[in-house]
Amino acid sequence: GDFTLDFLVVDSSGVVQHEESVDGRSNAKSITFDHTLSGNDFPSGDVTFVFQAKNDKGVHTRATKQYVLEQQMVAAGIAFEGHPEDQPKYKLGDELVVTMQAGTLKDLHTVSGLSQEHARDRKFVMDLQTPQGTTFHTVYGNAVDSSDPSAPATYTFTTSIPTTVDFIGTSTVSFRFVSTQNTFVKLLPFDSASSELYDDASAIRIA
């Protein structure tokens, strides 16, 4: 037929991980696509197979098939700018700058970082929580540019400690991935030095 059939594999952040096309004008047989998910750059969540037929006027037919890819996402290399201590100390109104590397846990001790190439296409948030687990502040992260294409996707979260006395004491910092469907995946904190998951979320002291 006078059409081109596209096959796309789209991850939960909207990144096209694979794309191929078949020219219907030169293909008289039935069309089959065979694809195996590979690589380390898939966040947890929906993986969508997109099939679309198009001609010189554009796409006229489109169908999708969704699958769910479940894997543990982690925040590695968590660092508090200007506060190298184990439990950083802040005052109400202080600036809080935190960086982390987003990845997936392939086994109990091996992290595969998400790619630098697609870092800006993905959304992560940092939550500040009370000891009781109530989230009192959320901030979106910004991708950190790197000249090393093999470096893991790194994000910086910048905010100010809310000036409310209710939050004085020990609070925790945690991270979530936000998919294009606006669903959330919690990132477990990972200690790169010991290659172990943390027992608890990263703690800060607010005085």
Protein backbone atom coordinates (compact mmCIF):
# COMPACT_ATOMS: atom_id res chain seq x y z
CA GLY A 1 0.00 0.00 0.00
CA ASP A 2 0.93 3.67 -0.28
CA PHE A 3 2.01 4.07 3.33
CA THR A 4 4.88 3.75 5.77
CA LEU A 5 4.43 1.81 9.01
CA ASP A 6 6.42 3.03 12.02
CA PHE A 7 7.17 1.00 15.13
CA LEU A 8 8.29 2.89 18.24
CA VAL A 9 9.20 1.78 21.76
CA VAL A 10 8.49 4.57 24.27
CA ASP A 11 9.46 4.40 27.95
CA SER A 12 7.55 5.81 30.92
CA SER A 13 9.29 9.20 30.62
CA GLY A 14 8.23 9.60 26.98
CA VAL A 15 11.69 8.83 25.57
CA VAL A 16 11.66 6.92 22.28
CA GLN A 17 14.03 4.03 22.97
CA HIS A 18 13.67 2.32 19.59
CA GLU A 19 12.25 3.22 16.19
CA GLU A 20 12.02 1.46 12.86
CA SER A 21 9.92 1.81 9.72
CA VAL A 22 8.67 -0.40 6.89
CA ASP A 23 7.76 1.00 3.47
CA GLY A 24 4.40 -0.52 2.54
CA ARG A 25 4.93 0.23 -1.15
CA SER A 26 7.83 -2.21 -1.38
CA ASN A 27 6.52 -4.82 1.04
CA ALA A 28 3.87 -7.25 -0.20
CA LYS A 29 4.06 -9.58 2.79
CA SER A 30 2.55 -9.23 6.24
CA ILE A 31 4.59 -6.94 8.47
CA THR A 32 6.14 -8.24 11.67
CA PHE A 33 8.24 -6.36 14.22
CA ASP A 34 10.46 -8.27 16.62
CA HIS A 35 12.02 -6.33 19.49
CA THR A 36 13.72 -7.16 22.79
CA LEU A 37 14.15 -4.52 25.48
CA SER A 38 17.83 -3.93 26.09
CA GLY A 39 20.15 -1.42 27.72
CA ASN A 40 20.10 0.26 31.10
CA ASP A 41 18.19 3.42 30.26
CA PHE A 42 14.64 2.32 31.10
CA PRO A 43 12.98 3.86 34.17
CA SER A 44 10.32 1.82 35.92
CA GLY A 45 6.77 2.06 34.59
CA ASP A 46 4.85 1.71 31.36
CA VAL A 47 6.61 0.73 28.15
CA THR A 48 4.48 1.57 25.13
CA PHE A 49 4.74 -0.05 21.70
CA VAL A 50 3.42 2.41 19.13
CA PHE A 51 2.34 1.39 15.63
CA GLN A 52 1.47 4.19 13.23
CA ALA A 53 0.73 4.29 9.52
CA LYS A 54 1.47 7.46 7.59
CA ASN A 55 1.57 8.83 4.06
CA ASP A 56 2.63 12.13 2.54
CA LYS A 57 -0.17 13.84 4.48
CA GLY A 58 1.02 12.55 7.86
CA VAL A 59 -0.06 9.88 10.35
CA HIS A 60 -3.57 8.57 9.64
CA THR A 61 -3.76 5.42 11.80
CA ARG A 62 -2.25 4.77 15.22
CA ALA A 63 -2.42 1.92 17.72
CA THR A 64 -0.59 1.28 20.99
CA LYS A 65 0.13 -1.67 23.26
CA GLN A 66 1.33 -1.08 26.82
CA TYR A 67 3.42 -3.25 29.09
CA VAL A 68 4.65 -2.60 32.61
CA LEU A 69 8.37 -2.74 33.38
CA GLU A 70 8.91 -3.11 37.11
CA GLN A 71 12.37 -2.52 38.51
CA GLN A 72 13.76 -0.85 41.61
CA MET A 73 14.86 2.74 41.05
CA VAL A 74 17.54 4.23 43.29
CA ALA A 75 19.12 7.56 44.18
CA ALA A 76 22.90 7.10 44.37
CA GLY A 77 25.67 9.54 45.28
CA ILE A 78 23.37 11.73 47.39
CA ALA A 79 25.29 14.85 48.42
CA PHE A 80 24.34 17.98 50.40
CA GLU A 81 26.25 20.97 49.04
CA GLY A 82 28.42 22.53 51.76
CA HIS A 83 27.44 19.86 54.29
CA PRO A 84 29.65 16.75 54.12
CA GLU A 85 28.62 15.51 57.56
CA ASP A 86 26.46 12.38 57.98
CA GLN A 87 23.47 14.36 59.26
CA PRO A 88 23.64 17.87 57.74
CA LYS A 89 22.50 20.74 59.94
CA TYR A 90 20.42 23.66 58.65
CA LYS A 91 18.54 26.62 60.03
CA LEU A 92 15.08 27.80 59.07
CA GLY A 93 15.35 29.74 55.78
CA ASP A 94 18.73 28.22 54.79
CA GLU A 95 19.29 27.24 51.18
CA LEU A 96 19.26 23.48 50.63
CA VAL A 97 21.10 22.12 47.58
CA VAL A 98 21.09 18.36 47.07
CA THR A 99 22.43 16.30 44.16
CA MET A 100 21.76 12.67 43.33
CA GLN A 101 22.36 10.19 40.50
CA ALA A 102 19.26 8.40 39.21
CA GLY A 103 19.50 4.74 38.31
CA THR A 104 18.04 1.27 38.58
CA LEU A 105 19.14 -1.60 40.79
CA LYS A 106 20.13 -4.64 38.72
CA ASP A 107 20.92 -6.77 41.75
CA LEU A 108 21.41 -6.03 45.43
CA HIS A 109 24.77 -4.31 44.85
CA THR A 110 24.88 -3.07 41.24
CA VAL A 111 23.38 0.22 40.07
CA SER A 112 22.93 1.10 36.41
CA GLY A 113 22.67 4.86 36.02
CA LEU A 114 20.10 6.32 33.66
CA SER A 115 21.71 7.94 30.64
CA GLN A 116 22.98 11.50 30.49
CA GLU A 117 21.54 11.76 26.98
CA HIS A 118 17.93 11.71 28.18
CA ALA A 119 18.40 13.37 31.57
CA ARG A 120 16.49 16.51 30.59
CA ASP A 121 13.56 14.44 29.33
CA ARG A 122 12.90 12.97 32.77
CA LYS A 123 11.37 14.43 35.90
CA PHE A 124 12.40 13.77 39.49
CA VAL A 125 11.18 15.39 42.69
CA MET A 126 12.71 15.67 46.15
CA ASP A 127 10.43 15.53 49.19
CA LEU A 128 11.17 16.93 52.64
CA GLN A 129 9.31 14.97 55.29
CA THR A 130 8.75 15.21 59.02
CA PRO A 131 9.83 12.30 61.25
CA GLN A 132 6.18 11.19 61.13
CA GLY A 133 6.38 10.83 57.34
CA THR A 134 4.35 13.92 56.40
CA THR A 135 5.66 15.68 53.29
CA PHE A 136 5.93 19.41 53.96
CA HIS A 137 7.90 20.54 50.91
CA THR A 138 8.48 19.20 47.36
CA VAL A 139 10.84 20.53 44.70
CA TYR A 140 11.58 19.42 41.12
CA GLY A 141 15.15 18.63 40.14
CA ASN A 142 17.23 20.03 37.30
CA ALA A 143 19.46 17.84 35.15
CA VAL A 144 23.18 18.54 35.52
CA ASP A 145 25.05 18.80 32.22
CA SER A 146 28.13 16.66 31.79
CA SER A 147 30.77 16.48 29.06
CA ASP A 148 31.09 12.74 29.74
CA PRO A 149 28.37 10.90 27.76
CA SER A 150 28.89 7.78 29.88
CA ALA A 151 28.23 9.63 33.16
CA PRO A 152 24.97 8.74 34.94
CA ALA A 153 22.08 11.19 34.87
CA THR A 154 22.59 13.59 37.77
CA TYR A 155 20.02 16.01 39.21
CA THR A 156 20.26 19.02 41.50
CA PHE A 157 17.45 20.08 43.83
CA THR A 158 17.57 23.63 45.17
CA THR A 159 15.16 25.11 47.68
CA SER A 160 14.97 26.96 51.00
CA ILE A 161 14.11 25.38 54.32
CA PRO A 162 10.57 26.59 55.15
CA THR A 163 10.55 29.18 57.95
CA THR A 164 8.01 27.33 60.07
CA VAL A 165 8.88 26.29 63.61
CA ASP A 166 6.80 23.13 63.19
CA PHE A 167 9.60 21.68 61.07
CA ILE A 168 12.39 22.15 63.61
CA GLY A 169 14.04 18.81 64.38
CA THR A 170 15.11 15.88 62.25
CA SER A 171 13.59 15.69 58.79
CA THR A 172 14.22 13.32 55.91
CA VAL A 173 14.97 13.80 52.23
CA SER A 174 13.63 11.34 49.65
CA PHE A 175 13.20 11.23 45.88
CA ARG A 176 10.56 10.16 43.36
CA PHE A 177 10.48 9.66 39.60
CA VAL A 178 7.51 11.25 37.80
CA SER A 179 6.27 9.47 34.66
CA THR A 180 4.48 11.08 31.73
CA GLN A 181 1.26 9.58 33.16
CA ASN A 182 1.98 11.56 36.35
CA THR A 183 2.53 8.40 38.38
CA PHE A 184 5.31 8.26 40.96
CA VAL A 185 8.06 5.73 41.63
CA LYS A 186 9.97 6.02 44.89
CA LEU A 187 13.77 5.94 44.63
CA LEU A 188 15.53 4.03 47.40
CA PRO A 189 18.71 5.70 48.67
CA PHE A 190 21.87 3.83 47.67
CA ASP A 191 25.31 4.14 49.28
CA SER A 192 27.80 4.05 46.42
CA ALA A 193 30.75 3.61 48.77
CA SER A 194 29.47 0.40 50.33
CA SER A 195 27.28 -0.66 47.37
CA GLU A 196 24.33 -1.06 49.72
CA LEU A 197 20.87 0.38 50.05
CA TYR A 198 20.38 2.73 52.99
CA ASP A 199 18.19 1.47 55.79
CA ASP A 200 16.49 4.86 56.03
CA ALA A 201 16.01 8.01 53.98
CA SER A 202 18.72 10.67 54.21
CA ALA A 203 18.24 12.74 57.38
CA ILE A 204 18.90 16.43 57.96
CA ARG A 205 18.76 18.42 61.18
CA ILE A 206 16.76 21.68 61.18
CA ALA A 207 17.35 24.03 64.11
